[in-house]
Amino acid sequence: MRDFAMTVSHKAGLAAMALALTLSGCVSLGKEPPPTLFTLTPTALAAAGLSASGTAAQALAVIEPDAPQRLDVVRVPVQVDPSTVAYLKDAVWVEKPARLFGRLLAETIRSKQTRLVVESPDAAYAAATRLTGRLNEMGYDAASSSVIVRFDAMLKQPDGQILTRRFEARVDNVSPTAASVAPALNEAANKVAAEVAEWIG
């Protein structure tokens, strides 16, 4: 009986070890996170409890803007010279910058309380008025020691008319470190978002 109990116990221990080894091959805690994760925080927020309702004809859809390949990543680009791009050391966006900027735009416009703003894909494409565009720049310029946010907005109106406008904001005298670039990018992005909100009305 003792031999049987020892055999069962031994087999159970081997099974547990095998399971642990199997899990160790499937589950990874990943690498250490980068020292700095960048995000965009709106300086203009809709009030808590704010509600809005209306029809698709009254809604403004904010659609995530397009972006060039160098911005379609979670790294923060550095324009070294007119033909060379690098990425800022120890700095990573929490999401792709175009997605973050689209949310910032929507929240900034919503905070003005003059529009019914929708963001979900289904509602966005049903809305009669749509804001989209191209995020051309959101990074650091080494030659001028500044951060630049440049957005080409495109507003499609209910009558089919399309309006376009370029918006740009920069913050000068920024050192090329993650700790300095992060707040400067947030400041510039909020300035552009506020100008877009004023343009839309």
Protein backbone atom coordinates (compact mmCIF):
# COMPACT_ATOMS: atom_id res chain seq x y z
CA MET A 1 0.00 0.00 0.00
CA ARG A 2 2.86 2.33 0.89
CA ASP A 3 4.51 1.62 -2.46
CA PHE A 4 1.26 2.46 -4.29
CA ALA A 5 0.86 5.74 -2.35
CA MET A 6 4.47 6.69 -3.10
CA THR A 7 3.99 5.86 -6.78
CA VAL A 8 0.85 8.01 -6.99
CA SER A 9 2.58 10.86 -5.18
CA HIS A 10 5.61 10.58 -7.43
CA LYS A 11 3.44 10.60 -10.56
CA ALA A 12 1.50 13.62 -9.31
CA GLY A 13 4.75 15.48 -8.70
CA LEU A 14 6.02 14.67 -12.18
CA ALA A 15 2.72 15.83 -13.71
CA ALA A 16 2.90 19.13 -11.82
CA MET A 17 6.48 19.66 -13.00
CA ALA A 18 5.49 18.90 -16.60
CA LEU A 19 2.58 21.36 -16.39
CA ALA A 20 4.85 24.08 -15.01
CA LEU A 21 7.36 23.51 -17.80
CA THR A 22 4.59 23.63 -20.41
CA LEU A 23 3.20 26.89 -19.02
CA SER A 24 6.64 28.45 -18.89
CA GLY A 25 6.90 27.92 -22.63
CA CYS A 26 3.48 29.52 -23.32
CA VAL A 27 3.32 32.35 -20.82
CA SER A 28 5.81 35.18 -20.82
CA LEU A 29 5.95 38.20 -18.58
CA GLY A 30 7.66 40.06 -21.42
CA LYS A 31 10.54 42.48 -21.38
CA GLU A 32 10.88 45.32 -18.98
CA PRO A 33 8.59 48.22 -19.99
CA PRO A 34 10.28 51.30 -21.47
CA PRO A 35 11.15 54.02 -18.93
CA THR A 36 8.56 56.38 -20.45
CA LEU A 37 5.17 55.67 -22.00
CA PHE A 38 3.64 58.59 -23.90
CA THR A 39 -0.06 59.41 -24.12
CA LEU A 40 -2.23 62.44 -24.86
CA THR A 41 -4.34 63.95 -22.10
CA PRO A 42 -7.05 66.48 -23.07
CA THR A 43 -6.87 69.84 -21.34
CA ALA A 44 -10.53 70.41 -22.28
CA LEU A 45 -12.82 67.75 -20.83
CA ALA A 46 -16.55 67.26 -21.16
CA ALA A 47 -18.26 67.69 -17.80
CA ALA A 48 -19.23 64.58 -15.86
CA GLY A 49 -22.84 63.67 -16.51
CA LEU A 50 -22.95 65.53 -19.82
CA SER A 51 -25.34 63.83 -22.23
CA ALA A 52 -26.34 64.49 -25.81
CA SER A 53 -28.82 62.99 -28.22
CA GLY A 54 -29.85 63.47 -31.80
CA THR A 55 -30.05 61.88 -35.21
CA ALA A 56 -27.32 60.79 -37.57
CA ALA A 57 -27.97 63.96 -39.54
CA GLN A 58 -27.07 66.02 -36.48
CA ALA A 59 -24.05 64.02 -35.37
CA LEU A 60 -20.40 64.77 -35.96
CA ALA A 61 -18.30 61.67 -36.46
CA VAL A 62 -14.63 61.91 -35.53
CA ILE A 63 -12.77 59.27 -37.52
CA GLU A 64 -9.22 58.22 -36.67
CA PRO A 65 -6.90 60.11 -39.03
CA ASP A 66 -4.46 58.52 -41.42
CA ALA A 67 -0.74 58.76 -40.74
CA PRO A 68 2.49 58.15 -42.68
CA GLN A 69 4.42 54.98 -41.96
CA ARG A 70 6.89 56.65 -39.61
CA LEU A 71 3.95 57.67 -37.38
CA ASP A 72 2.07 54.40 -37.77
CA VAL A 73 4.13 52.87 -34.95
CA VAL A 74 4.35 53.36 -31.20
CA ARG A 75 7.82 54.94 -31.35
CA VAL A 76 8.34 58.72 -31.16
CA PRO A 77 10.01 59.98 -34.37
CA VAL A 78 12.94 62.38 -34.40
CA GLN A 79 13.61 64.30 -37.63
CA VAL A 80 17.40 64.38 -37.62
CA ASP A 81 17.74 66.18 -40.95
CA PRO A 82 15.56 66.54 -44.07
CA SER A 83 16.28 62.96 -45.15
CA THR A 84 16.90 61.10 -41.89
CA VAL A 85 14.48 59.92 -39.22
CA ALA A 86 15.40 58.25 -35.94
CA TYR A 87 13.34 57.42 -32.86
CA LEU A 88 13.54 58.96 -29.42
CA LYS A 89 15.37 56.81 -26.91
CA ASP A 90 13.34 55.25 -24.08
CA ALA A 91 10.02 56.65 -25.33
CA VAL A 92 7.02 54.66 -26.57
CA TRP A 93 3.38 55.64 -27.13
CA VAL A 94 0.78 53.60 -25.25
CA GLU A 95 -1.07 53.35 -28.60
CA LYS A 96 -0.39 54.53 -32.12
CA PRO A 97 -0.38 58.35 -32.08
CA ALA A 98 -3.11 58.75 -34.74
CA ARG A 99 -5.54 56.83 -32.54
CA LEU A 100 -4.63 58.88 -29.49
CA PHE A 101 -4.96 62.11 -31.45
CA GLY A 102 -8.37 61.09 -32.81
CA ARG A 103 -9.65 60.56 -29.27
CA LEU A 104 -8.17 63.87 -28.19
CA LEU A 105 -9.97 65.63 -31.03
CA ALA A 106 -13.29 64.01 -30.14
CA GLU A 107 -13.02 64.90 -26.46
CA THR A 108 -11.98 68.49 -27.17
CA ILE A 109 -14.90 69.02 -29.56
CA ARG A 110 -17.30 67.31 -27.13
CA SER A 111 -16.20 69.63 -24.33
CA LYS A 112 -17.56 72.63 -26.25
CA GLN A 113 -21.07 71.15 -25.91
CA THR A 114 -22.10 72.40 -29.35
CA ARG A 115 -22.03 69.05 -31.15
CA LEU A 116 -23.25 65.50 -30.77
CA VAL A 117 -19.93 63.69 -31.18
CA VAL A 118 -19.70 60.00 -32.06
CA GLU A 119 -16.62 57.81 -32.43
CA SER A 120 -17.76 54.20 -32.84
CA PRO A 121 -17.25 52.92 -36.41
CA ASP A 122 -20.93 52.04 -36.98
CA ALA A 123 -22.20 55.43 -35.82
CA ALA A 124 -19.34 57.28 -37.49
CA TYR A 125 -20.16 56.17 -41.00
CA ALA A 126 -23.87 56.87 -40.51
CA ALA A 127 -23.23 60.46 -39.40
CA ALA A 128 -23.89 63.21 -41.92
CA THR A 129 -20.87 65.26 -40.84
CA ARG A 130 -17.48 63.61 -40.62
CA LEU A 131 -14.12 64.87 -39.43
CA THR A 132 -11.04 62.99 -40.50
CA GLY A 133 -7.72 63.87 -42.09
CA ARG A 134 -4.06 63.03 -41.91
CA LEU A 135 -1.72 63.36 -38.97
CA ASN A 136 1.44 64.37 -40.83
CA GLU A 137 3.70 65.16 -37.91
CA MET A 138 3.83 64.37 -34.21
CA GLY A 139 7.40 64.19 -33.07
CA TYR A 140 10.67 65.94 -32.36
CA ASP A 141 12.64 68.13 -34.77
CA ALA A 142 16.35 68.00 -33.92
CA ALA A 143 17.38 70.99 -36.05
CA SER A 144 15.06 73.40 -34.22
CA SER A 145 14.94 71.63 -30.83
CA SER A 146 11.17 71.65 -30.97
CA VAL A 147 8.21 69.31 -31.06
CA ILE A 148 5.75 69.67 -33.92
CA VAL A 149 2.18 68.48 -34.39
CA ARG A 150 0.77 68.96 -37.88
CA PHE A 151 -2.73 67.85 -38.89
CA ASP A 152 -4.45 68.18 -42.26
CA ALA A 153 -8.14 68.18 -41.36
CA MET A 154 -10.91 67.20 -43.73
CA LEU A 155 -14.54 67.97 -42.84
CA LYS A 156 -17.29 66.40 -44.92
CA GLN A 157 -20.55 68.29 -44.49
CA PRO A 158 -24.14 67.00 -44.87
CA ASP A 159 -24.56 68.67 -48.28
CA GLY A 160 -21.50 66.81 -49.58
CA GLN A 161 -19.19 69.83 -49.45
CA ILE A 162 -15.68 69.05 -48.24
CA LEU A 163 -13.58 71.55 -46.31
CA THR A 164 -9.87 71.13 -45.63
CA ARG A 165 -7.41 73.04 -43.48
CA ARG A 166 -3.91 72.51 -42.15
CA PHE A 167 -3.27 72.99 -38.44
CA GLU A 168 0.15 73.12 -36.83
CA ALA A 169 1.54 73.79 -33.39
CA ARG A 170 5.08 73.64 -32.10
CA VAL A 171 6.80 74.00 -28.76
CA ASP A 172 10.35 75.36 -28.94
CA ASN A 173 13.41 74.92 -26.75
CA VAL A 174 12.71 71.28 -25.92
CA SER A 175 15.61 69.03 -25.01
CA PRO A 176 15.74 65.64 -26.79
CA THR A 177 14.74 63.58 -23.77
CA ALA A 178 11.57 61.65 -23.11
CA ALA A 179 10.86 63.67 -19.97
CA SER A 180 10.90 66.93 -21.96
CA VAL A 181 9.32 65.75 -25.20
CA ALA A 182 6.26 64.07 -23.63
CA PRO A 183 4.63 67.19 -22.08
CA ALA A 184 5.60 69.31 -25.08
CA LEU A 185 3.86 66.92 -27.49
CA ASN A 186 0.79 66.89 -25.26
CA GLU A 187 0.75 70.70 -25.23
CA ALA A 188 1.09 70.97 -29.00
CA ALA A 189 -1.53 68.29 -29.67
CA ASN A 190 -4.03 70.02 -27.39
CA LYS A 191 -3.41 73.33 -29.13
CA VAL A 192 -4.13 71.78 -32.53
CA ALA A 193 -7.24 70.03 -31.19
CA ALA A 194 -8.56 73.30 -29.74
CA GLU A 195 -8.01 75.09 -33.06
CA VAL A 196 -9.81 72.31 -34.95
CA ALA A 197 -12.73 72.52 -32.51
CA GLU A 198 -12.99 76.28 -33.10
CA TRP A 199 -12.84 75.78 -36.86
CA ILE A 200 -15.70 73.28 -36.79
CA GLY A 201 -17.81 75.44 -34.49
